[in-house]
Protein backbone atom coordinates (compact mmCIF):
# COMPACT_ATOMS: atom_id res chain seq x y z
CA UNK A 1 0.00 0.00 0.00
CA UNK A 2 1.35 3.43 -0.93
CA UNK A 3 1.46 6.44 1.32
CA UNK A 4 -1.44 8.04 -0.60
CA UNK A 5 -3.93 5.29 0.03
CA UNK A 6 -6.41 5.00 2.84
CA UNK A 7 -5.23 3.21 5.96
CA UNK A 8 -6.02 -0.48 6.22
CA UNK A 9 -8.17 -1.33 9.20
CA UNK A 10 -5.36 -3.23 10.92
CA UNK A 11 -2.88 -0.35 11.07
CA UNK A 12 -1.88 1.40 14.26
CA UNK A 13 -2.17 5.23 14.52
CA UNK A 14 1.61 5.79 14.44
CA UNK A 15 1.82 3.90 11.13
CA UNK A 16 -0.40 6.37 9.24
CA UNK A 17 0.95 9.11 7.03
CA UNK A 18 -0.47 12.65 6.99
CA UNK A 19 -2.98 11.96 4.21
CA UNK A 20 -4.34 8.89 5.96
CA UNK A 21 -4.69 10.75 9.23
CA UNK A 22 -6.46 13.61 7.43
CA UNK A 23 -8.96 11.15 5.93
CA UNK A 24 -9.61 9.61 9.34
CA UNK A 25 -10.06 13.09 10.87
CA UNK A 26 -12.51 14.09 8.12
CA UNK A 27 -14.47 10.87 8.71
CA UNK A 28 -15.03 11.46 12.43
CA UNK A 29 -15.75 15.15 11.78
CA UNK A 30 -18.47 14.21 9.28
CA UNK A 31 -20.15 11.93 11.80
CA UNK A 32 -20.07 14.40 14.68
CA UNK A 33 -21.51 17.17 12.46
CA UNK A 34 -24.47 14.85 11.80
CA UNK A 35 -24.98 14.36 15.53
CA UNK A 36 -24.77 18.06 16.37
CA UNK A 37 -26.86 19.29 13.43
CA UNK A 38 -29.70 16.94 14.35
CA UNK A 39 -29.98 18.76 17.67
CA UNK A 40 -31.34 21.92 16.00
CA UNK A 41 -32.26 21.03 12.41
CA UNK A 42 -35.65 19.75 13.53
CA UNK A 43 -36.75 23.14 14.95
CA UNK A 44 -37.71 24.55 11.57
CA UNK A 45 -39.58 21.35 10.69
CA UNK A 46 -41.77 21.12 13.83
CA UNK A 47 -44.82 22.94 12.35
CA UNK A 48 -44.66 20.79 9.20
CA UNK A 49 -44.38 17.64 11.35
CA UNK A 50 -47.35 18.80 13.40
CA UNK A 51 -49.44 19.28 10.28
CA UNK A 52 -48.23 16.11 8.56
CA UNK A 53 -48.60 13.70 11.47
CA UNK A 54 -51.16 15.47 13.63
CA UNK A 55 -48.61 15.81 16.43
CA UNK A 56 -49.66 17.34 19.74
CA UNK A 57 -47.74 20.18 21.36
CA UNK A 58 -46.21 17.73 23.84
CA UNK A 59 -45.12 15.46 20.98
CA UNK A 60 -43.43 18.44 19.31
CA UNK A 61 -41.42 19.00 22.47
CA UNK A 62 -40.54 15.31 22.81
CA UNK A 63 -39.30 15.18 19.21
CA UNK A 64 -36.53 17.58 20.27
CA UNK A 65 -36.15 16.70 23.96
CA UNK A 66 -36.16 12.91 23.44
CA UNK A 67 -33.07 13.16 21.25
CA UNK A 68 -31.26 15.40 23.72
CA UNK A 69 -32.29 13.24 26.69
CA UNK A 70 -30.67 10.01 25.50
CA UNK A 71 -27.75 11.82 23.87
CA UNK A 72 -26.89 13.62 27.10
CA UNK A 73 -27.70 10.79 29.51
CA UNK A 74 -25.64 8.17 27.68
CA UNK A 75 -22.58 10.19 26.57
CA UNK A 76 -20.49 9.13 29.56
CA UNK A 77 -21.58 5.52 29.10
CA UNK A 78 -20.58 5.75 25.43
CA UNK A 79 -17.13 6.90 26.45
CA UNK A 80 -16.71 3.98 28.86
CA UNK A 81 -17.90 1.50 26.23
CA UNK A 82 -15.34 2.92 23.80
CA UNK A 83 -12.60 2.33 26.36
CA UNK A 84 -13.84 -1.21 26.93
CA UNK A 85 -14.50 -2.41 23.39
CA UNK A 86 -12.47 -0.08 21.21
CA UNK A 87 -13.17 3.42 19.92
CA UNK A 88 -13.22 2.36 16.28
CA UNK A 89 -15.75 -0.40 16.93
CA UNK A 90 -18.06 1.86 18.98
CA UNK A 91 -17.77 4.66 16.43
CA UNK A 92 -18.80 2.41 13.54
CA UNK A 93 -21.60 0.86 15.58
CA UNK A 94 -22.84 4.29 16.62
CA UNK A 95 -22.84 5.58 13.05
CA UNK A 96 -24.74 2.50 11.85
CA UNK A 97 -27.29 2.95 14.62
CA UNK A 98 -27.64 6.64 13.83
CA UNK A 99 -28.31 5.90 10.17
CA UNK A 100 -30.92 3.26 11.04
CA UNK A 101 -32.66 5.57 13.53
CA UNK A 102 -32.60 8.42 10.99
CA UNK A 103 -34.32 6.16 8.46
CA UNK A 104 -36.99 5.34 11.05
CA UNK A 105 -37.44 9.07 11.73
CA UNK A 106 -37.88 9.79 8.05
CA UNK A 107 -40.40 6.99 7.57
CA UNK A 108 -42.30 7.49 10.85
CA UNK A 109 -46.08 7.12 10.31
CA UNK A 110 -47.12 8.57 13.68
CA UNK A 111 -45.79 11.08 16.23
CA UNK A 112 -45.15 8.27 18.72
CA UNK A 113 -42.94 6.38 16.28
CA UNK A 114 -41.05 9.58 15.48
CA UNK A 115 -40.42 10.30 19.17
CA UNK A 116 -39.18 6.73 19.69
CA UNK A 117 -36.92 7.01 16.64
CA UNK A 118 -35.49 10.29 17.96
CA UNK A 119 -34.76 8.65 21.33
CA UNK A 120 -32.91 5.84 19.51
CA UNK A 121 -31.11 8.40 17.35
CA UNK A 122 -29.85 10.19 20.46
CA UNK A 123 -28.69 6.91 22.00
CA UNK A 124 -26.74 6.08 18.83
CA UNK A 125 -25.22 9.56 18.86
CA UNK A 126 -24.11 9.00 22.46
CA UNK A 127 -22.24 5.86 21.37
CA UNK A 128 -20.67 7.62 18.38
CA UNK A 129 -19.88 11.07 19.80
CA UNK A 130 -17.34 10.30 22.57
CA UNK A 131 -15.25 8.20 20.20
CA UNK A 132 -14.54 11.14 17.90
CA UNK A 133 -12.41 13.03 20.40
CA UNK A 134 -10.69 9.81 21.48
CA UNK A 135 -9.81 8.97 17.87
CA UNK A 136 -8.47 12.48 17.25
CA UNK A 137 -6.27 12.14 20.33
CA UNK A 138 -4.94 8.83 19.03
CA UNK A 139 -4.26 10.20 15.55
CA UNK A 140 -2.22 13.25 16.55
CA UNK A 141 0.47 14.27 19.00
CA UNK A 142 -0.48 16.78 21.72
CA UNK A 143 1.02 19.68 19.75
CA UNK A 144 -0.71 18.66 16.50
CA UNK A 145 -3.95 18.11 18.38
CA UNK A 146 -4.39 21.74 19.42
CA UNK A 147 -5.08 23.06 15.90
CA UNK A 148 -7.28 20.10 14.96
CA UNK A 149 -9.41 20.36 18.08
CA UNK A 150 -9.80 24.12 17.61
CA UNK A 151 -11.04 23.51 14.07
CA UNK A 152 -13.21 20.70 15.42
CA UNK A 153 -14.84 23.07 17.92
CA UNK A 154 -15.53 25.75 15.30
CA UNK A 155 -17.18 23.28 12.92
CA UNK A 156 -19.32 21.77 15.68
CA UNK A 157 -20.47 25.23 16.79
CA UNK A 158 -21.35 26.21 13.24
CA UNK A 159 -23.25 22.95 12.74
CA UNK A 160 -25.49 23.69 15.72
CA UNK A 161 -26.17 27.28 14.61
CA UNK A 162 -26.76 26.39 10.96
CA UNK A 163 -29.09 23.49 11.80
CA UNK A 164 -32.36 25.50 11.64
CA UNK A 165 -31.22 27.20 8.41
CA UNK A 166 -30.39 23.88 6.78
CA UNK A 167 -33.71 22.43 7.95
CA UNK A 168 -35.66 25.23 6.28
CA UNK A 169 -33.71 24.90 3.05
CA UNK A 170 -34.27 21.12 2.87
CA UNK A 171 -38.01 21.45 3.49
CA UNK A 172 -38.27 24.16 0.82
CA UNK A 173 -36.32 21.95 -1.58
CA UNK A 174 -38.93 19.20 -1.07
CA UNK A 175 -37.06 16.55 -3.07
CA UNK A 176 -39.38 13.75 -4.25
CA UNK A 177 -42.19 15.34 -2.26
CA UNK A 178 -40.57 14.24 1.01
CA UNK A 179 -41.07 17.58 2.78
CA UNK A 180 -39.97 17.50 6.43
CA UNK A 181 -38.89 13.85 6.15
CA UNK A 182 -35.88 14.97 4.12
CA UNK A 183 -34.19 16.50 7.19
CA UNK A 184 -33.82 12.96 8.57
CA UNK A 185 -33.37 11.00 5.36
CA UNK A 186 -30.48 13.26 4.28
CA UNK A 187 -28.54 11.57 7.08
CA UNK A 188 -28.60 8.25 5.22
CA UNK A 189 -26.16 9.00 2.37
CA UNK A 190 -23.94 11.09 4.65
CA UNK A 191 -23.95 8.50 7.42
CA UNK A 192 -23.34 5.60 5.04
CA UNK A 193 -20.43 7.55 3.55
CA UNK A 194 -18.98 8.08 7.04
CA UNK A 195 -19.51 4.40 7.83
CA UNK A 196 -17.75 3.24 4.66
CA UNK A 197 -14.90 5.73 5.15
CA UNK A 198 -14.59 4.73 8.78
CA UNK A 199 -14.11 1.07 7.91
CA UNK A 200 -11.34 2.07 5.51
CA UNK A 201 -9.58 4.94 7.28
CA UNK A 202 -9.90 4.42 11.03
CA UNK A 203 -7.05 2.43 12.56
CA UNK A 204 -7.32 -0.18 15.26
CA UNK A 205 -5.51 0.84 18.41
CA UNK A 206 -5.11 -2.50 20.17
CA UNK A 207 -5.87 -0.66 23.45
CA UNK A 208 -9.28 -2.11 24.25
CA UNK A 209 -9.78 -3.03 27.89
CA UNK A 210 -12.22 -5.88 27.72
CA UNK A 211 -12.29 -6.35 31.45
CA UNK A 212 -13.19 -2.72 32.14
CA UNK A 213 -16.15 -2.46 34.52
CA UNK A 214 -19.09 -0.39 33.27
CA UNK A 215 -21.75 1.09 35.53
CA UNK A 216 -24.86 0.28 33.46
CA UNK A 217 -27.28 0.56 36.42
CA UNK A 218 -25.93 4.02 37.23
CA UNK A 219 -26.44 5.19 33.65
CA UNK A 220 -29.97 3.73 33.60
CA UNK A 221 -30.89 5.44 36.88
CA UNK A 222 -29.57 8.77 35.64
CA UNK A 223 -31.43 8.61 32.31
CA UNK A 224 -34.66 7.40 33.95
CA UNK A 225 -34.57 10.10 36.61
CA UNK A 226 -34.05 12.94 34.18
CA UNK A 227 -36.60 11.46 31.77
CA UNK A 228 -39.28 11.34 34.49
CA UNK A 229 -38.67 14.99 35.35
CA UNK A 230 -39.01 15.93 31.67
CA UNK A 231 -42.22 13.90 31.48
CA UNK A 232 -43.78 16.01 34.24
CA UNK A 233 -42.65 19.31 32.73
CA UNK A 234 -43.77 18.49 29.18
CA UNK A 235 -47.05 16.70 29.88
CA UNK A 236 -48.19 18.90 32.78
CA UNK A 237 -50.20 21.31 30.59
CA UNK A 238 -51.87 18.55 28.58
CA UNK A 239 -53.05 15.42 30.32
CA UNK A 240 -51.10 14.87 33.53
CA UNK A 241 -53.01 15.27 36.78
CA UNK A 242 -51.55 16.91 39.87
CA UNK A 243 -51.27 13.70 41.89
CA UNK A 244 -49.74 11.73 39.01
CA UNK A 245 -47.35 14.56 38.20
CA UNK A 246 -46.19 14.85 41.81
CA UNK A 247 -45.63 11.09 42.07
CA UNK A 248 -43.63 10.98 38.83
CA UNK A 249 -41.59 14.02 39.88
CA UNK A 250 -40.72 12.42 43.22
CA UNK A 251 -39.72 9.23 41.38
CA UNK A 252 -37.47 11.18 39.03
CA UNK A 253 -35.74 13.06 41.84
CA UNK A 254 -35.28 9.81 43.76
CA UNK A 255 -33.72 8.09 40.74
CA UNK A 256 -31.30 10.99 40.21
CA UNK A 257 -30.40 10.98 43.91
CA UNK A 258 -29.71 7.25 43.79
CA UNK A 259 -27.55 7.71 40.68
CA UNK A 260 -25.44 10.39 42.41
CA UNK A 261 -25.17 8.38 45.63
CA UNK A 262 -24.17 5.31 43.63
CA UNK A 263 -21.45 7.29 41.82
CA UNK A 264 -20.03 8.60 45.10
CA UNK A 265 -19.97 5.15 46.69
CA UNK A 266 -18.43 3.47 43.64
CA UNK A 267 -15.71 6.10 43.40
CA UNK A 268 -14.96 5.70 47.11
CA UNK A 269 -14.60 1.95 46.53
CA UNK A 270 -12.30 2.50 43.55
CA UNK A 271 -14.91 1.38 41.02
CA UNK A 272 -15.86 3.21 37.82
CA UNK A 273 -18.93 5.46 37.81
CA UNK A 274 -20.68 7.56 35.20
CA UNK A 275 -19.58 10.81 36.85
CA UNK A 276 -16.51 11.91 38.81
CA UNK A 277 -17.91 13.52 42.01
CA UNK A 278 -14.57 15.05 43.03
CA UNK A 279 -14.64 17.36 40.02
CA UNK A 280 -17.54 19.26 41.54
CA UNK A 281 -15.35 20.27 44.47
CA UNK A 282 -13.57 22.62 42.03
CA UNK A 283 -15.47 25.95 41.97
CA UNK A 284 -14.55 26.71 38.36
CA UNK A 285 -15.85 23.32 37.21
CA UNK A 286 -18.96 23.35 39.39
CA UNK A 287 -20.10 26.84 38.41
CA UNK A 288 -18.97 26.37 34.80
CA UNK A 289 -21.16 23.26 34.45
CA UNK A 290 -24.16 25.05 36.00
CA UNK A 291 -23.65 27.99 33.65
CA UNK A 292 -23.33 25.72 30.61
CA UNK A 293 -26.50 23.82 31.52
CA UNK A 294 -28.56 26.97 32.17
CA UNK A 295 -27.23 28.66 29.03
CA UNK A 296 -28.10 25.68 26.83
CA UNK A 297 -31.56 25.50 28.37
CA UNK A 298 -32.28 29.09 27.42
CA UNK A 299 -30.65 28.92 23.98
CA UNK A 300 -32.27 25.67 22.80
CA UNK A 301 -35.66 26.70 24.19
CA UNK A 302 -35.48 30.03 22.38
CA UNK A 303 -34.51 28.50 19.04
CA UNK A 304 -37.50 26.15 19.20
CA UNK A 305 -40.24 28.67 20.03
CA UNK A 306 -38.70 31.22 17.63
CA UNK A 307 -38.98 28.84 14.68
CA UNK A 308 -42.46 27.63 15.66
CA UNK A 309 -43.87 31.13 16.23
CA UNK A 310 -42.57 32.42 12.90
CA UNK A 311 -44.39 29.67 11.03
CA UNK A 312 -47.51 29.06 13.09
CA UNK A 313 -47.99 32.63 14.28
CA UNK A 314 -46.81 34.73 11.31
CA UNK A 315 -47.31 32.15 8.52
CA UNK A 316 -43.70 32.29 7.39
CA UNK A 317 -42.53 29.40 5.24
CA UNK A 318 -39.73 27.07 6.38
CA UNK A 319 -37.41 28.79 3.88
CA UNK A 320 -38.30 32.27 5.14
CA UNK A 321 -37.83 31.04 8.71
CA UNK A 322 -34.40 29.69 7.79
CA UNK A 323 -33.32 32.99 6.26
CA UNK A 324 -34.53 34.97 9.29
CA UNK A 325 -32.09 32.92 11.43
CA UNK A 326 -29.05 34.16 9.46
CA UNK A 327 -28.28 37.34 11.49
CA UNK A 328 -28.24 35.25 14.66
CA UNK A 329 -25.70 32.86 13.15
CA UNK A 330 -23.55 35.75 11.93
CA UNK A 331 -23.57 37.26 15.41
CA UNK A 332 -22.36 33.99 16.91
CA UNK A 333 -19.53 33.72 14.36
CA UNK A 334 -18.43 37.31 15.00
CA UNK A 335 -18.32 36.71 18.74
CA UNK A 336 -16.57 33.34 18.68
CA UNK A 337 -14.13 34.17 15.88
CA UNK A 338 -13.23 37.77 16.67
CA UNK A 339 -14.33 38.87 20.13
CA UNK A 340 -13.72 35.95 22.49
CA UNK A 341 -10.05 35.28 21.56
CA UNK A 342 -9.16 38.97 22.02
CA UNK A 343 -11.30 39.92 25.00
CA UNK A 344 -11.46 36.85 27.26
CA UNK A 345 -7.83 36.98 28.50
CA UNK A 346 -8.28 40.66 29.42
CA UNK A 347 -11.84 40.73 30.75
CA UNK A 348 -12.06 37.30 32.39
CA UNK A 349 -15.51 36.47 33.72
CA UNK A 350 -16.85 39.91 32.76
CA UNK A 351 -17.00 38.88 29.09
CA UNK A 352 -19.40 35.90 29.48
CA UNK A 353 -21.44 37.89 32.00
CA UNK A 354 -21.89 40.73 29.55
CA UNK A 355 -22.58 38.14 26.84
CA UNK A 356 -25.39 36.65 28.90
CA UNK A 357 -26.98 40.08 29.41
CA UNK A 358 -26.69 40.91 25.69
CA UNK A 359 -28.16 37.55 24.73
CA UNK A 360 -31.12 37.95 27.10
CA UNK A 361 -31.77 41.48 25.82
CA UNK A 362 -31.48 40.40 22.19
CA UNK A 363 -33.78 37.39 22.64
CA UNK A 364 -36.40 39.32 24.63
CA UNK A 365 -36.41 42.09 22.01
CA UNK A 366 -36.59 39.59 19.15
CA UNK A 367 -39.53 37.72 20.67
CA UNK A 368 -41.25 41.05 21.41
CA UNK A 369 -40.94 42.00 17.74
CA UNK A 370 -42.32 38.63 16.61
CA UNK A 371 -45.18 39.05 19.12
CA UNK A 372 -45.90 42.40 17.46
CA UNK A 373 -45.94 40.67 14.04
CA UNK A 374 -42.61 42.18 12.94
CA UNK A 375 -40.72 39.46 11.07
CA UNK A 376 -38.36 41.56 8.95
CA UNK A 377 -36.53 44.85 8.86
CA UNK A 378 -33.33 46.34 10.28
CA UNK A 379 -34.56 46.30 13.89
CA UNK A 380 -35.11 42.53 13.84
CA UNK A 381 -31.73 42.04 12.16
CA UNK A 382 -30.14 44.10 14.94
CA UNK A 383 -31.81 42.23 17.82
CA UNK A 384 -30.99 38.83 16.32
CA UNK A 385 -27.36 39.85 15.73
CA UNK A 386 -27.17 41.14 19.31
CA UNK A 387 -28.58 37.85 20.60
CA UNK A 388 -26.03 35.95 18.49
CA UNK A 389 -23.11 38.04 19.78
CA UNK A 390 -24.31 37.42 23.32
CA UNK A 391 -24.63 33.70 22.57
CA UNK A 392 -21.04 33.52 21.31
CA UNK A 393 -19.45 35.58 24.08
CA UNK A 394 -21.25 33.54 26.76
CA UNK A 395 -20.95 30.04 25.29
CA UNK A 396 -17.49 30.34 23.75
CA UNK A 397 -15.58 30.73 27.05
CA UNK A 398 -17.60 28.25 29.13
CA UNK A 399 -15.72 25.10 28.12
CA UNK A 400 -12.20 26.47 28.73
CA UNK A 401 -13.38 28.11 31.95
CA UNK A 402 -14.92 24.95 33.38
CA UNK A 403 -11.81 22.81 32.79
CA UNK A 404 -9.22 25.47 33.68
CA UNK A 405 -8.53 23.92 37.11
CA UNK A 406 -9.21 20.28 36.26
CA UNK A 407 -6.25 17.88 36.64
CA UNK A 408 -5.07 16.44 33.35
CA UNK A 409 -5.86 12.94 34.62
CA UNK A 410 -9.56 13.87 34.65
CA UNK A 411 -9.60 16.01 31.50
CA UNK A 412 -11.57 13.50 29.42
CA UNK A 413 -14.18 12.88 32.11
CA UNK A 414 -14.55 16.62 32.70
CA UNK A 415 -15.11 17.37 29.02
CA UNK A 416 -17.69 14.57 28.74
CA UNK A 417 -19.47 15.82 31.86
CA UNK A 418 -19.72 19.34 30.45
CA UNK A 419 -21.11 18.01 27.19
CA UNK A 420 -23.62 15.92 29.12
CA UNK A 421 -24.72 19.02 31.04
CA UNK A 422 -25.13 20.92 27.77
CA UNK A 423 -27.31 18.27 26.13
CA UNK A 424 -29.45 17.70 29.21
CA UNK A 425 -29.71 21.46 29.61
CA UNK A 426 -31.08 21.62 26.07
CA UNK A 427 -33.69 18.96 26.89
CA UNK A 428 -34.64 20.85 30.04
CA UNK A 429 -34.96 24.07 28.03
CA UNK A 430 -37.35 22.40 25.58
CA UNK A 431 -39.47 21.29 28.52
CA UNK A 432 -39.42 24.60 30.44
CA UNK A 433 -39.51 27.14 27.62
CA UNK A 434 -41.68 25.00 25.36
CA UNK A 435 -44.23 24.34 28.10
CA UNK A 436 -44.36 28.04 29.00
CA UNK A 437 -45.00 28.86 25.34
CA UNK A 438 -47.56 26.14 24.59
CA UNK A 439 -49.46 26.59 27.86
CA UNK A 440 -50.57 30.05 26.75
CA UNK A 441 -50.59 29.89 22.95
CA UNK A 442 -53.89 29.05 21.28
CA UNK A 443 -54.93 27.42 18.05
CA UNK A 444 -55.33 30.40 15.71
CA UNK A 445 -52.41 32.38 14.29
CA UNK A 446 -52.74 35.37 16.61
CA UNK A 447 -53.13 33.24 19.73
CA UNK A 448 -50.01 31.27 18.83
CA UNK A 449 -47.99 34.44 19.38
CA UNK A 450 -49.32 34.93 22.91
CA UNK A 451 -47.05 32.23 24.32
CA UNK A 452 -43.97 34.23 23.34
CA UNK A 453 -44.36 36.40 26.45
CA UNK A 454 -44.01 33.61 29.06
CA UNK A 455 -41.50 31.92 26.76
CA UNK A 456 -39.32 35.04 26.78
CA UNK A 457 -39.62 35.30 30.57
CA UNK A 458 -38.49 31.69 31.00
CA UNK A 459 -35.51 32.16 28.64
CA UNK A 460 -34.51 35.31 30.54
CA UNK A 461 -34.65 33.48 33.89
CA UNK A 462 -32.49 30.65 32.56
CA UNK A 463 -29.90 33.06 31.17
CA UNK A 464 -29.95 34.96 34.49
CA UNK A 465 -29.00 31.70 36.23
CA UNK A 466 -26.15 31.27 33.76
CA UNK A 467 -24.88 34.82 34.40
CA UNK A 468 -25.19 34.33 38.17
CA UNK A 469 -23.16 31.11 37.94
CA UNK A 470 -20.45 32.87 35.90
CA UNK A 471 -20.34 35.65 38.51
CA UNK A 472 -19.25 33.06 41.09
CA UNK A 473 -16.10 32.28 39.10
CA UNK A 474 -12.73 33.91 39.88
CA UNK A 475 -12.48 37.44 38.47
CA UNK A 476 -9.45 36.68 36.27
CA UNK A 477 -9.94 33.20 34.94
CA UNK A 478 -6.57 32.73 33.31
CA UNK A 479 -4.26 34.80 35.47
CA UNK A 480 -0.67 33.59 35.67
CA UNK A 481 -0.88 32.86 39.39
CA UNK A 482 -3.88 30.55 38.90
CA UNK A 483 -2.60 27.17 37.79
CA UNK A 484 -4.61 23.98 37.12
CA UNK A 485 -4.68 21.42 39.87
CA UNK A 486 -1.82 18.95 39.92
CA UNK A 487 -2.16 15.56 38.27
């Protein structure tokens, strides 16, 4: 085999040349973009799904939240399984599962089947996602890794922001009369390409630990507990009685408490657990995780009700809705690409705090304009850009902030925990913001705008929690005298 060919499956990472490593990197990047894009691409399609399948308001929320629930709950388990059975094997299995679940989403005949398919899609993403970072770390030396991971982060961020825009474009394209189904079926050729490329390009590491203990009961308790809490929040305004809701809520809290207690006891006994409790003793990590979860709750909740209100309240098409999102995406890119690298080292925690305030002001103003039936014009462009700049200046620093004091021996677990908090925060935002919106909105076009007021209030409260959490961080986050904890 020449140096310009793809790597055979049996090769070790150190045996690959630059071209082979680049192909492997592109393969895992393609798969993770699929996973991230499917978090937000569905927002623009929710009204079309509602009309096409007769979905209830609760089902609309579950279509988004179900994906985020299993994705977030099982990410840490996916990482452990990759350590136990091999990152290449879990990556390929996750991609195959994601493709199959995407096909089921695209062919779903009822809202219930679609929700189930989204739950399975999130679970497959949780198996696939953690392997991507592990494979990148295996492919490159620490020095080479810095540039690749920075590029990785930019692409992932763009995928999340561009999801609603891509969703609107695909629905407007309406290939073969598929309509909203195309946003899921488009995953098939891309996923099959990633699967085929993965079998060719990804090396075997020979570092599988087949005897590695995995805390499956802990993962199940955690997912069940959070799922029960979401069930109460989403179904409360439809068909869940007070007594039933209280009982389910207590069950959810109990399951989460048992999962945390189990993790603490297993760690004390030297056994693996889904979380590392000692990390939360670090103030930067603890408050950074809370900020990331609250921020994602507000951001994901806003993006959902924004897309739904534009279509169901102001009769904008999916394509028009997609185009209206563009100033928001531009604001995020300006903040992440230009503002955060220059301002964060000088301003420290002040930058994400100001970002949170700008984001809340931009979102509240945007939703007020939509409520007043203003869906175009320079003022809307300004408020959306402002919200995007706030989004970027708050979200961009949170990851580096949260891990700034984490020992290198726990770096992987810390990163996975933050990502788990982000995904579960998104699911919580769909439940809180979505329920606030749907509880008030009615069935005619004008009444569907009424829910924007409580929706905006809920988003503002969530972003206020994020800003408050950031305010508890050290004033200068990256000062020379503040060094990460020792290994």
